[in-house]
N, C-alpha and C. Protein backbone atom coordinates (compact mmCIF):
# COMPACT_ATOMS: atom_id res chain seq x y z
N MET A 1 -33.87 -55.12 17.22
CA MET A 1 -32.51 -55.77 16.46
C MET A 1 -31.35 -55.96 17.93
N CYS A 2 -30.88 -55.11 18.12
CA CYS A 2 -30.22 -55.13 19.50
C CYS A 2 -30.59 -54.85 20.96
N LYS A 3 -31.53 -54.74 20.70
CA LYS A 3 -32.75 -54.97 22.16
C LYS A 3 -32.48 -54.36 22.67
N GLU A 4 -32.58 -52.34 22.05
CA GLU A 4 -32.33 -51.03 22.44
C GLU A 4 -33.16 -50.33 21.80
N GLU A 5 -33.86 -48.95 22.38
CA GLU A 5 -34.41 -48.63 21.32
C GLU A 5 -33.46 -47.50 20.41
N PRO A 6 -34.08 -47.53 19.09
CA PRO A 6 -33.58 -46.80 17.82
C PRO A 6 -33.12 -45.65 18.34
N PHE A 7 -32.56 -44.44 17.82
CA PHE A 7 -32.70 -43.32 18.12
C PHE A 7 -33.02 -42.83 19.88
N THR A 8 -32.45 -43.11 20.48
CA THR A 8 -32.28 -42.38 22.04
C THR A 8 -30.77 -42.85 22.16
N CYS A 9 -31.05 -41.87 23.53
CA CYS A 9 -29.56 -41.82 24.31
C CYS A 9 -29.43 -42.89 25.00
N PRO A 10 -28.55 -43.77 25.87
CA PRO A 10 -28.50 -44.31 26.69
C PRO A 10 -28.39 -43.87 27.97
N ALA A 11 -27.38 -42.53 27.76
CA ALA A 11 -26.87 -42.01 29.10
C ALA A 11 -27.94 -41.02 29.34
N CYS A 12 -28.71 -40.83 28.44
CA CYS A 12 -30.04 -39.58 28.92
C CYS A 12 -31.00 -40.50 29.22
N SER A 13 -31.44 -41.42 28.61
CA SER A 13 -32.62 -41.87 28.98
C SER A 13 -33.03 -43.10 30.45
N PRO A 14 -34.28 -42.63 30.97
CA PRO A 14 -35.07 -42.17 30.73
C PRO A 14 -35.37 -40.76 30.66
N ASP A 15 -34.81 -40.06 31.58
CA ASP A 15 -35.20 -38.60 31.78
C ASP A 15 -33.82 -37.94 31.09
N MET A 16 -34.42 -37.35 30.00
CA MET A 16 -33.10 -36.21 28.87
C MET A 16 -33.14 -35.11 29.44
N LEU A 17 -32.42 -34.66 29.76
CA LEU A 17 -31.96 -33.42 30.22
C LEU A 17 -32.10 -32.33 29.48
N ALA A 18 -31.57 -32.31 28.02
CA ALA A 18 -31.60 -31.20 27.00
C ALA A 18 -31.80 -31.89 25.33
N VAL A 19 -32.15 -30.80 24.86
CA VAL A 19 -32.24 -31.09 23.27
C VAL A 19 -31.90 -30.15 22.64
N SER A 20 -31.03 -30.62 21.41
CA SER A 20 -31.04 -29.23 20.47
C SER A 20 -31.63 -29.72 19.51
N VAL A 21 -32.22 -28.95 18.63
CA VAL A 21 -32.46 -28.58 17.22
C VAL A 21 -31.58 -27.52 16.28
N ASP A 22 -31.41 -28.07 15.34
CA ASP A 22 -30.90 -26.77 14.41
C ASP A 22 -30.97 -27.56 12.91
N GLY A 23 -30.88 -26.79 12.35
CA GLY A 23 -30.75 -26.99 10.69
C GLY A 23 -29.91 -26.41 10.52
N ASN A 24 -30.37 -26.42 8.63
CA ASN A 24 -29.28 -25.86 7.51
C ASN A 24 -28.26 -27.09 7.50
N ARG A 25 -28.51 -28.33 8.09
CA ARG A 25 -27.90 -29.46 7.80
C ARG A 25 -27.95 -29.62 6.13
N LYS A 26 -27.39 -29.66 5.10
CA LYS A 26 -27.54 -29.92 3.71
C LYS A 26 -26.60 -31.08 3.33
N HIS A 27 -27.85 -32.21 2.23
CA HIS A 27 -27.40 -33.22 2.02
C HIS A 27 -27.73 -32.68 0.22
N TYR A 28 -27.41 -33.88 -0.11
CA TYR A 28 -27.43 -33.52 -2.05
C TYR A 28 -27.23 -35.29 -2.66
N ARG A 29 -28.64 -34.83 -3.38
CA ARG A 29 -28.94 -36.33 -4.35
C ARG A 29 -28.81 -36.01 -5.76
N PHE A 30 -28.81 -36.85 -6.88
CA PHE A 30 -28.99 -36.65 -7.97
C PHE A 30 -30.13 -36.52 -8.20
N LYS A 31 -30.55 -35.46 -9.17
CA LYS A 31 -31.89 -35.60 -9.48
C LYS A 31 -32.40 -36.98 -10.41
N ASN A 32 -31.83 -37.34 -10.89
CA ASN A 32 -32.42 -38.20 -11.82
C ASN A 32 -31.99 -39.96 -10.93
N ALA A 33 -31.87 -39.91 -10.09
CA ALA A 33 -31.35 -40.94 -8.58
C ALA A 33 -33.08 -41.77 -9.12
N ALA A 34 -32.80 -43.07 -9.20
CA ALA A 34 -34.11 -44.13 -9.21
C ALA A 34 -35.19 -43.60 -8.22
N ARG A 35 -36.27 -43.36 -8.46
CA ARG A 35 -37.00 -43.30 -7.67
C ARG A 35 -38.55 -44.30 -7.77
N SER A 36 -39.03 -45.20 -6.76
CA SER A 36 -39.30 -45.78 -6.54
C SER A 36 -40.94 -45.62 -5.59
N GLU A 37 -41.89 -46.12 -6.06
CA GLU A 37 -43.73 -45.69 -5.29
C GLU A 37 -43.80 -46.64 -4.07
N GLU A 38 -43.11 -47.73 -3.52
CA GLU A 38 -42.65 -48.46 -2.86
C GLU A 38 -42.54 -47.09 -1.46
N GLN A 39 -43.36 -48.09 -0.75
CA GLN A 39 -43.04 -47.27 1.42
C GLN A 39 -41.95 -47.55 1.28
N ALA A 40 -41.22 -46.63 1.90
CA ALA A 40 -39.88 -46.66 2.46
C ALA A 40 -39.78 -47.94 3.88
N ILE A 41 -38.94 -48.82 4.24
CA ILE A 41 -39.01 -49.10 5.07
C ILE A 41 -39.53 -48.57 6.61
N PHE A 42 -38.45 -48.37 7.10
CA PHE A 42 -38.56 -47.22 7.87
C PHE A 42 -39.02 -45.98 7.96
N ASP A 43 -40.16 -45.49 7.47
CA ASP A 43 -41.06 -44.79 7.12
C ASP A 43 -40.87 -43.89 7.69
N GLY A 44 -41.00 -42.81 8.95
CA GLY A 44 -40.89 -41.88 9.84
C GLY A 44 -40.78 -42.57 10.98
N VAL A 45 -39.81 -43.61 10.99
CA VAL A 45 -39.01 -43.74 11.69
C VAL A 45 -37.82 -42.79 12.88
N PHE A 46 -37.06 -42.11 11.65
CA PHE A 46 -35.96 -41.12 12.25
C PHE A 46 -36.52 -39.82 11.26
N ILE A 47 -36.57 -39.93 10.21
CA ILE A 47 -36.81 -38.57 9.36
C ILE A 47 -38.51 -38.76 9.54
N ALA A 48 -38.69 -37.63 10.24
CA ALA A 48 -40.15 -37.60 10.03
C ALA A 48 -40.93 -37.52 9.01
N ARG A 49 -42.27 -38.21 8.90
CA ARG A 49 -43.44 -37.86 7.40
C ARG A 49 -43.42 -36.70 6.84
N ASP A 50 -43.07 -36.64 5.98
CA ASP A 50 -43.54 -35.23 5.06
C ASP A 50 -45.04 -34.53 5.58
N GLU A 51 -46.06 -35.96 5.28
CA GLU A 51 -47.39 -35.74 5.54
C GLU A 51 -48.01 -34.68 6.85
N ASP A 52 -47.18 -35.57 7.67
CA ASP A 52 -47.09 -35.17 8.89
C ASP A 52 -46.60 -33.88 9.64
N ILE A 53 -45.74 -33.89 8.88
CA ILE A 53 -44.82 -32.45 9.21
C ILE A 53 -46.02 -30.96 8.27
N SER A 54 -46.27 -31.04 7.34
CA SER A 54 -47.60 -30.21 6.50
C SER A 54 -48.82 -30.19 7.55
N ARG A 55 -48.95 -31.02 7.86
CA ARG A 55 -50.08 -31.10 8.37
C ARG A 55 -50.24 -30.46 9.54
N PHE A 56 -49.48 -30.30 10.50
CA PHE A 56 -48.61 -29.70 11.59
C PHE A 56 -48.24 -28.31 11.83
N VAL A 57 -47.60 -28.12 10.56
CA VAL A 57 -47.25 -26.68 10.54
C VAL A 57 -48.43 -25.94 9.72
N ASP A 58 -49.08 -26.59 9.04
CA ASP A 58 -50.87 -25.78 8.56
C ASP A 58 -51.98 -25.84 9.54
N TYR A 59 -52.00 -26.63 10.60
CA TYR A 59 -52.45 -26.63 11.34
C TYR A 59 -52.07 -25.26 12.53
N ILE A 60 -50.47 -25.16 12.63
CA ILE A 60 -49.99 -24.23 13.55
C ILE A 60 -50.47 -22.93 12.75
N HIS A 61 -50.04 -22.99 11.80
CA HIS A 61 -50.01 -21.14 11.22
C HIS A 61 -51.46 -20.56 10.79
N THR A 62 -52.86 -21.91 10.68
CA THR A 62 -54.19 -21.35 10.96
C THR A 62 -54.54 -21.07 11.72
N THR A 63 -54.10 -21.71 13.22
CA THR A 63 -54.58 -21.76 13.99
C THR A 63 -53.92 -20.43 14.91
N THR A 64 -52.77 -19.60 14.83
CA THR A 64 -52.11 -18.62 14.81
C THR A 64 -52.08 -17.46 14.14
N LYS A 65 -53.12 -17.53 12.94
CA LYS A 65 -53.62 -16.66 12.05
C LYS A 65 -51.86 -16.10 11.58
N HIS A 66 -50.95 -16.73 10.92
CA HIS A 66 -49.87 -16.36 10.44
C HIS A 66 -50.10 -15.96 9.43
N VAL A 67 -49.76 -14.84 8.85
CA VAL A 67 -49.56 -14.06 8.08
C VAL A 67 -47.61 -14.17 7.48
N ILE A 68 -47.89 -14.51 6.40
CA ILE A 68 -46.45 -14.58 5.69
C ILE A 68 -46.29 -13.13 5.38
N LEU A 69 -45.58 -11.97 5.19
CA LEU A 69 -45.40 -10.86 5.02
C LEU A 69 -44.18 -10.93 3.37
N GLN A 70 -45.04 -9.99 2.76
CA GLN A 70 -43.89 -9.95 1.60
C GLN A 70 -43.14 -8.61 1.32
N THR A 71 -42.74 -8.26 0.74
CA THR A 71 -42.44 -6.84 0.81
C THR A 71 -41.86 -6.89 -0.94
N LEU A 72 -42.22 -5.90 -1.55
CA LEU A 72 -41.98 -5.45 -2.84
C LEU A 72 -40.37 -5.20 -2.73
N ILE A 73 -39.47 -4.34 -1.67
CA ILE A 73 -37.87 -3.88 -1.98
C ILE A 73 -37.35 -4.63 -1.88
N MET A 74 -37.65 -6.00 -0.49
CA MET A 74 -36.68 -6.42 -0.03
C MET A 74 -36.98 -8.21 -0.45
N SER A 75 -35.61 -8.89 -0.71
CA SER A 75 -35.75 -10.17 -1.03
C SER A 75 -36.11 -11.16 0.65
N PRO A 76 -36.60 -11.97 0.69
CA PRO A 76 -36.75 -13.08 2.23
C PRO A 76 -35.24 -12.92 2.66
N GLU A 77 -34.49 -13.35 1.91
CA GLU A 77 -33.07 -13.11 2.44
C GLU A 77 -32.26 -12.15 3.33
N GLU A 78 -32.96 -10.73 2.49
CA GLU A 78 -32.94 -9.77 3.23
C GLU A 78 -33.66 -9.16 4.09
N VAL A 79 -35.03 -9.46 4.32
CA VAL A 79 -35.56 -9.48 5.44
C VAL A 79 -34.83 -10.58 6.57
N PHE A 80 -34.49 -11.66 6.60
CA PHE A 80 -33.50 -12.45 7.55
C PHE A 80 -32.99 -11.97 7.76
N VAL A 81 -31.50 -11.02 7.21
CA VAL A 81 -30.95 -10.69 8.03
C VAL A 81 -31.06 -9.52 8.56
N GLU A 82 -32.13 -8.70 8.05
CA GLU A 82 -32.38 -7.53 8.94
C GLU A 82 -33.34 -8.14 10.46
N ASP A 83 -34.04 -9.40 10.32
CA ASP A 83 -34.68 -9.70 11.59
C ASP A 83 -33.68 -10.58 12.28
N SER A 84 -32.28 -10.85 11.82
CA SER A 84 -31.80 -11.46 13.02
C SER A 84 -30.43 -11.24 13.10
N GLY A 85 -29.85 -10.41 12.16
CA GLY A 85 -28.85 -9.76 12.51
C GLY A 85 -27.48 -11.05 11.65
N ARG A 86 -27.77 -11.89 10.80
CA ARG A 86 -26.93 -12.62 10.43
C ARG A 86 -27.10 -12.93 9.09
N GLN A 87 -26.27 -13.38 8.31
CA GLN A 87 -25.80 -12.79 6.80
C GLN A 87 -26.07 -13.99 6.15
N PRO A 88 -26.99 -14.24 5.32
CA PRO A 88 -27.90 -14.92 4.38
C PRO A 88 -27.26 -15.88 3.81
N GLU A 89 -27.02 -17.32 3.79
CA GLU A 89 -26.39 -17.76 3.18
C GLU A 89 -25.95 -18.06 1.38
N ARG A 90 -24.78 -17.98 0.73
CA ARG A 90 -24.89 -17.77 -0.56
C ARG A 90 -25.08 -18.64 -0.94
N PRO A 91 -25.93 -18.82 -2.10
CA PRO A 91 -25.65 -20.12 -2.81
C PRO A 91 -24.23 -20.62 -3.63
N PRO A 92 -23.88 -21.41 -3.81
CA PRO A 92 -22.56 -21.81 -4.36
C PRO A 92 -22.74 -21.36 -6.07
N LYS A 93 -21.53 -21.11 -6.07
CA LYS A 93 -20.71 -20.38 -7.56
C LYS A 93 -21.84 -21.26 -8.40
N TYR A 94 -21.34 -22.15 -8.07
CA TYR A 94 -21.24 -23.86 -9.28
C TYR A 94 -22.26 -24.51 -8.83
N GLN A 95 -22.82 -25.04 -8.91
CA GLN A 95 -23.88 -26.36 -8.68
C GLN A 95 -24.43 -26.75 -10.27
N PRO A 96 -23.56 -28.51 -10.13
CA PRO A 96 -23.92 -29.23 -11.32
C PRO A 96 -25.64 -29.23 -11.30
N ALA A 97 -26.39 -29.13 -12.60
CA ALA A 97 -27.53 -29.36 -12.89
C ALA A 97 -28.02 -30.31 -12.47
N SER A 98 -27.56 -31.66 -12.00
CA SER A 98 -27.35 -32.77 -11.73
C SER A 98 -27.50 -33.00 -10.22
N LEU A 99 -27.96 -32.18 -9.75
CA LEU A 99 -27.85 -32.61 -7.93
C LEU A 99 -28.62 -31.09 -7.51
N MET A 100 -29.73 -31.98 -6.43
CA MET A 100 -31.15 -31.25 -6.05
C MET A 100 -30.19 -31.07 -4.07
N ARG A 101 -30.62 -29.61 -3.67
CA ARG A 101 -30.31 -29.35 -2.82
C ARG A 101 -31.01 -29.76 -1.46
N ARG A 102 -31.43 -30.37 -0.37
CA ARG A 102 -32.35 -30.14 0.49
C ARG A 102 -31.33 -30.15 1.59
N GLU A 103 -32.31 -29.94 2.28
CA GLU A 103 -32.15 -29.27 3.92
C GLU A 103 -32.90 -30.37 4.73
N VAL A 104 -32.55 -30.53 6.09
CA VAL A 104 -32.79 -31.55 7.09
C VAL A 104 -32.40 -30.58 8.66
N GLU A 105 -33.55 -30.44 9.53
CA GLU A 105 -33.90 -30.34 10.78
C GLU A 105 -33.44 -31.73 11.93
N LEU A 106 -32.41 -31.02 12.67
CA LEU A 106 -31.99 -32.86 13.34
C LEU A 106 -32.05 -32.07 14.88
N ALA A 107 -32.44 -33.11 15.86
CA ALA A 107 -32.77 -33.21 17.32
C ALA A 107 -31.64 -33.62 17.53
N VAL A 108 -30.74 -33.06 18.64
CA VAL A 108 -29.66 -34.21 19.10
C VAL A 108 -29.73 -33.95 21.02
N CYS A 109 -29.29 -35.13 21.52
CA CYS A 109 -29.43 -34.96 22.80
C CYS A 109 -28.12 -34.15 23.17
N ARG A 110 -27.95 -33.66 24.49
CA ARG A 110 -26.77 -33.37 24.79
C ARG A 110 -24.96 -33.99 24.28
N HIS A 111 -25.63 -34.94 24.37
CA HIS A 111 -24.15 -36.48 23.80
C HIS A 111 -23.94 -36.62 22.39
N GLY A 112 -25.11 -35.64 21.97
CA GLY A 112 -24.54 -35.72 20.35
C GLY A 112 -25.55 -36.34 19.26
N VAL A 113 -26.17 -37.66 20.51
CA VAL A 113 -27.24 -38.63 19.53
C VAL A 113 -28.31 -38.46 18.76
N LEU A 114 -28.45 -38.79 17.94
CA LEU A 114 -29.22 -38.21 16.58
C LEU A 114 -30.58 -38.75 17.32
N LEU A 115 -31.85 -37.80 17.38
CA LEU A 115 -33.01 -38.07 17.91
C LEU A 115 -34.20 -38.44 17.02
N SER A 116 -34.09 -36.88 15.97
CA SER A 116 -35.16 -36.87 15.47
C SER A 116 -34.49 -36.28 14.07
N ALA A 117 -35.47 -36.43 12.90
CA ALA A 117 -35.49 -35.24 11.92
C ALA A 117 -35.94 -34.83 11.19
N LEU A 118 -36.07 -33.97 10.45
CA LEU A 118 -37.36 -33.77 9.26
C LEU A 118 -36.69 -32.87 8.18
N ASN A 119 -37.49 -33.33 7.09
CA ASN A 119 -37.01 -32.68 6.12
C ASN A 119 -37.89 -31.07 5.71
N MET A 120 -36.78 -30.13 5.83
CA MET A 120 -37.62 -28.44 5.89
C MET A 120 -37.47 -28.61 3.83
N TYR A 121 -39.09 -27.96 3.71
CA TYR A 121 -38.90 -27.45 2.10
C TYR A 121 -39.47 -26.42 2.74
N ARG A 122 -39.74 -25.56 3.24
CA ARG A 122 -40.03 -24.07 3.86
C ARG A 122 -39.11 -23.07 4.27
N GLY A 123 -38.08 -23.68 4.06
CA GLY A 123 -37.02 -22.69 4.76
C GLY A 123 -36.98 -23.35 6.27
N GLU A 124 -36.03 -23.00 7.05
CA GLU A 124 -35.77 -22.88 8.57
C GLU A 124 -36.92 -21.91 9.35
N ILE A 125 -38.01 -22.53 9.67
CA ILE A 125 -39.48 -21.65 9.65
C ILE A 125 -38.98 -22.58 11.87
N PHE A 126 -40.06 -21.49 12.63
CA PHE A 126 -39.97 -22.41 13.62
C PHE A 126 -40.77 -23.30 14.03
N ALA A 127 -41.83 -23.30 13.33
CA ALA A 127 -42.45 -24.48 13.23
C ALA A 127 -42.11 -25.84 13.09
N TYR A 128 -40.87 -26.42 12.19
CA TYR A 128 -40.29 -27.50 12.15
C TYR A 128 -39.84 -27.67 13.44
N SER A 129 -38.91 -26.33 14.23
CA SER A 129 -38.50 -26.85 15.46
C SER A 129 -39.40 -27.15 16.82
N LEU A 130 -40.64 -27.00 16.27
CA LEU A 130 -42.06 -26.97 17.46
C LEU A 130 -42.30 -28.21 17.21
N TYR A 131 -42.32 -29.03 16.38
CA TYR A 131 -42.72 -30.21 15.94
C TYR A 131 -42.03 -30.97 16.15
N LEU A 132 -40.34 -30.55 16.13
CA LEU A 132 -39.45 -31.81 17.11
C LEU A 132 -39.55 -31.73 18.53
N ARG A 133 -39.83 -30.59 18.66
CA ARG A 133 -39.64 -29.88 20.49
C ARG A 133 -40.85 -31.32 21.14
N GLN A 134 -42.14 -30.78 20.64
CA GLN A 134 -43.47 -31.68 21.08
C GLN A 134 -43.32 -33.40 20.92
N LYS A 135 -42.42 -33.45 20.15
CA LYS A 135 -41.85 -34.78 20.07
C LYS A 135 -40.67 -35.31 21.00
N LEU A 136 -40.61 -34.30 21.20
CA LEU A 136 -39.25 -35.37 22.11
C LEU A 136 -39.62 -33.93 23.78
N ALA A 137 -40.94 -33.80 23.92
CA ALA A 137 -41.01 -32.86 25.26
C ALA A 137 -41.03 -32.95 26.51
N SER A 138 -40.56 -34.48 26.63
CA SER A 138 -40.09 -35.13 28.06
C SER A 138 -38.31 -34.34 28.40
N SER A 139 -37.77 -33.50 27.60
CA SER A 139 -36.66 -33.10 28.02
C SER A 139 -37.00 -31.79 29.21
N MET A 140 -35.82 -31.40 29.62
CA MET A 140 -36.11 -30.60 30.91
C MET A 140 -35.40 -29.05 30.20
N PHE A 141 -34.32 -28.96 29.68
CA PHE A 141 -33.88 -28.03 28.21
C PHE A 141 -34.54 -28.07 26.90
N PHE A 142 -33.97 -26.93 26.25
CA PHE A 142 -34.26 -26.84 25.01
C PHE A 142 -33.02 -25.93 24.38
N CYS A 143 -32.11 -25.98 23.16
CA CYS A 143 -30.95 -24.81 22.91
C CYS A 143 -31.50 -25.01 21.23
N MET A 144 -31.22 -23.90 20.98
CA MET A 144 -31.46 -23.01 19.66
C MET A 144 -30.37 -22.14 19.65
N ASP A 145 -30.15 -21.95 18.46
CA ASP A 145 -29.02 -21.09 18.23
C ASP A 145 -30.18 -19.59 18.04
N VAL A 146 -31.17 -19.90 17.69
CA VAL A 146 -32.03 -18.42 17.72
C VAL A 146 -33.31 -18.35 19.32
N THR A 147 -32.71 -19.13 20.21
CA THR A 147 -33.43 -19.29 21.87
C THR A 147 -34.47 -17.77 21.30
N CYS A 148 -33.78 -16.68 21.66
CA CYS A 148 -34.18 -15.41 22.04
C CYS A 148 -35.45 -15.22 21.05
N LYS A 149 -35.39 -15.82 19.98
CA LYS A 149 -36.97 -15.35 19.24
C LYS A 149 -37.47 -16.56 19.49
N TYR A 150 -37.41 -17.44 19.53
CA TYR A 150 -37.79 -18.84 19.12
C TYR A 150 -38.75 -18.53 20.92
N TRP A 151 -38.49 -18.49 22.10
CA TRP A 151 -39.33 -18.33 23.06
C TRP A 151 -40.66 -17.34 23.00
N PRO A 152 -40.47 -15.95 22.43
CA PRO A 152 -41.81 -15.85 22.01
C PRO A 152 -42.60 -16.26 21.11
N TYR A 153 -42.32 -16.46 20.21
CA TYR A 153 -43.05 -17.32 18.99
C TYR A 153 -43.81 -18.78 19.87
N LEU A 154 -42.85 -18.88 20.74
CA LEU A 154 -43.50 -20.29 21.47
C LEU A 154 -44.55 -19.92 22.29
N GLN A 155 -44.63 -18.93 23.02
CA GLN A 155 -45.04 -18.57 23.99
C GLN A 155 -46.89 -17.88 23.04
N ARG A 156 -46.61 -17.54 21.87
CA ARG A 156 -47.64 -16.74 21.06
C ARG A 156 -48.39 -18.06 20.64
N VAL A 157 -47.59 -18.74 20.25
CA VAL A 157 -48.07 -20.16 19.54
C VAL A 157 -49.32 -20.91 20.78
N THR A 158 -48.88 -20.78 21.99
CA THR A 158 -49.24 -21.82 22.79
C THR A 158 -50.53 -20.73 23.53
N LYS A 159 -50.61 -19.59 23.19
CA LYS A 159 -52.15 -18.86 23.67
C LYS A 159 -53.28 -19.61 22.58
N SER A 160 -52.88 -19.89 21.55
CA SER A 160 -53.63 -20.61 20.76
C SER A 160 -54.12 -21.69 20.36
N CYS A 161 -52.89 -22.38 20.89
CA CYS A 161 -53.08 -24.15 21.07
C CYS A 161 -52.45 -24.51 22.45
N PRO A 162 -53.43 -24.48 23.22
CA PRO A 162 -53.27 -24.60 24.33
C PRO A 162 -52.88 -26.29 24.93
N GLU A 163 -53.12 -27.30 23.12
CA GLU A 163 -52.14 -28.71 23.91
C GLU A 163 -50.82 -28.41 23.84
N LEU A 164 -50.28 -27.47 23.38
CA LEU A 164 -49.18 -27.26 23.50
C LEU A 164 -48.12 -26.49 24.81
N GLN A 165 -49.31 -26.23 25.97
CA GLN A 165 -48.39 -25.60 26.80
C GLN A 165 -46.98 -26.15 27.63
N HIS A 166 -47.44 -27.25 27.52
CA HIS A 166 -46.56 -28.01 28.35
C HIS A 166 -45.03 -27.93 28.04
N LEU A 167 -45.43 -27.35 26.58
CA LEU A 167 -44.04 -26.76 26.16
C LEU A 167 -43.07 -25.88 27.23
N LEU A 168 -44.03 -24.89 27.03
CA LEU A 168 -43.54 -24.00 28.25
C LEU A 168 -42.52 -24.25 29.46
N ASP A 169 -42.77 -25.59 29.92
CA ASP A 169 -42.06 -26.03 31.29
C ASP A 169 -40.56 -26.60 30.65
N MET A 170 -40.36 -26.58 29.12
CA MET A 170 -38.98 -26.57 29.35
C MET A 170 -38.31 -25.29 29.15
N LYS A 171 -37.12 -25.12 29.60
CA LYS A 171 -36.29 -23.95 29.79
C LYS A 171 -35.34 -24.03 28.42
N PRO A 172 -35.37 -22.36 28.01
CA PRO A 172 -34.69 -22.22 26.79
C PRO A 172 -33.11 -21.87 27.20
N PHE A 173 -31.92 -22.05 26.17
CA PHE A 173 -30.65 -21.49 26.84
C PHE A 173 -29.89 -21.29 25.64
N LEU A 174 -29.43 -20.52 25.47
CA LEU A 174 -28.30 -20.94 24.09
C LEU A 174 -26.41 -21.81 24.52
N SER A 175 -26.83 -22.33 23.79
CA SER A 175 -25.66 -23.62 24.28
C SER A 175 -24.04 -23.02 24.15
N VAL A 176 -22.78 -23.33 24.91
CA VAL A 176 -21.69 -22.69 24.95
C VAL A 176 -21.44 -22.72 23.82
N PHE A 177 -21.40 -24.35 22.73
CA PHE A 177 -20.76 -24.04 21.66
C PHE A 177 -21.08 -23.32 20.59
N MET A 178 -22.39 -22.21 21.15
CA MET A 178 -22.51 -21.43 19.96
C MET A 178 -21.85 -20.44 19.68
N PRO A 179 -21.05 -19.73 20.58
CA PRO A 179 -20.51 -18.80 20.22
C PRO A 179 -19.08 -19.02 19.99
N LYS A 180 -18.82 -20.83 20.31
CA LYS A 180 -17.28 -20.98 20.19
C LYS A 180 -17.78 -21.22 18.33
N ARG A 181 -18.41 -21.80 17.64
CA ARG A 181 -19.37 -21.59 16.43
C ARG A 181 -19.13 -20.50 15.75
N ILE A 182 -19.55 -19.79 16.51
CA ILE A 182 -19.51 -18.07 15.44
C ILE A 182 -18.31 -17.87 15.49
N SER A 183 -17.21 -17.45 17.01
CA SER A 183 -16.30 -17.01 16.67
C SER A 183 -15.00 -17.90 15.75
N SER A 184 -15.72 -18.75 15.79
CA SER A 184 -14.28 -19.59 15.03
C SER A 184 -14.31 -19.29 13.50
N ASN A 185 -15.84 -18.87 13.16
CA ASN A 185 -15.91 -18.61 11.57
C ASN A 185 -16.03 -16.46 11.68
N VAL A 186 -15.96 -15.98 12.24
CA VAL A 186 -15.15 -15.02 12.45
C VAL A 186 -13.41 -14.55 11.73
């Protein structure tokens, strides 16, 4: 169209220095919105195909013998708070029944250009970040708000999935914007 590759940063191309992945971007739509059986025109161009993502996540979970721990005493939100030290997100007090909430995980370059995204159906799990990272594996650094927990996960996964070993070449870091964002909320 414009003789430029879509969803690439002209300043970063061809050697991207850093990629940041973060979730919890909420968007809402009406439950009764018109739906069609037609395939989307740009299916898989920016937002990854749900089938590809679920296949990848299932592969990672079965290969690494992923166990979902459930407790009778604590809810998943309480487990999340205990593990990360963060407060769980509270659902809105009033949400019209006609709206559906969806979450999207986005990958952006250091200039803020959107590179790729995926729909989060299972919450914010590391396998989603792993999917986006392996898609954008040419970058030198990766940034994430929970890098200290993601890096050991990545090391464990690459032992079971040697084809993802090249992801360990990227260097993790916590963005300088993260503490500013956290402190502004306090």
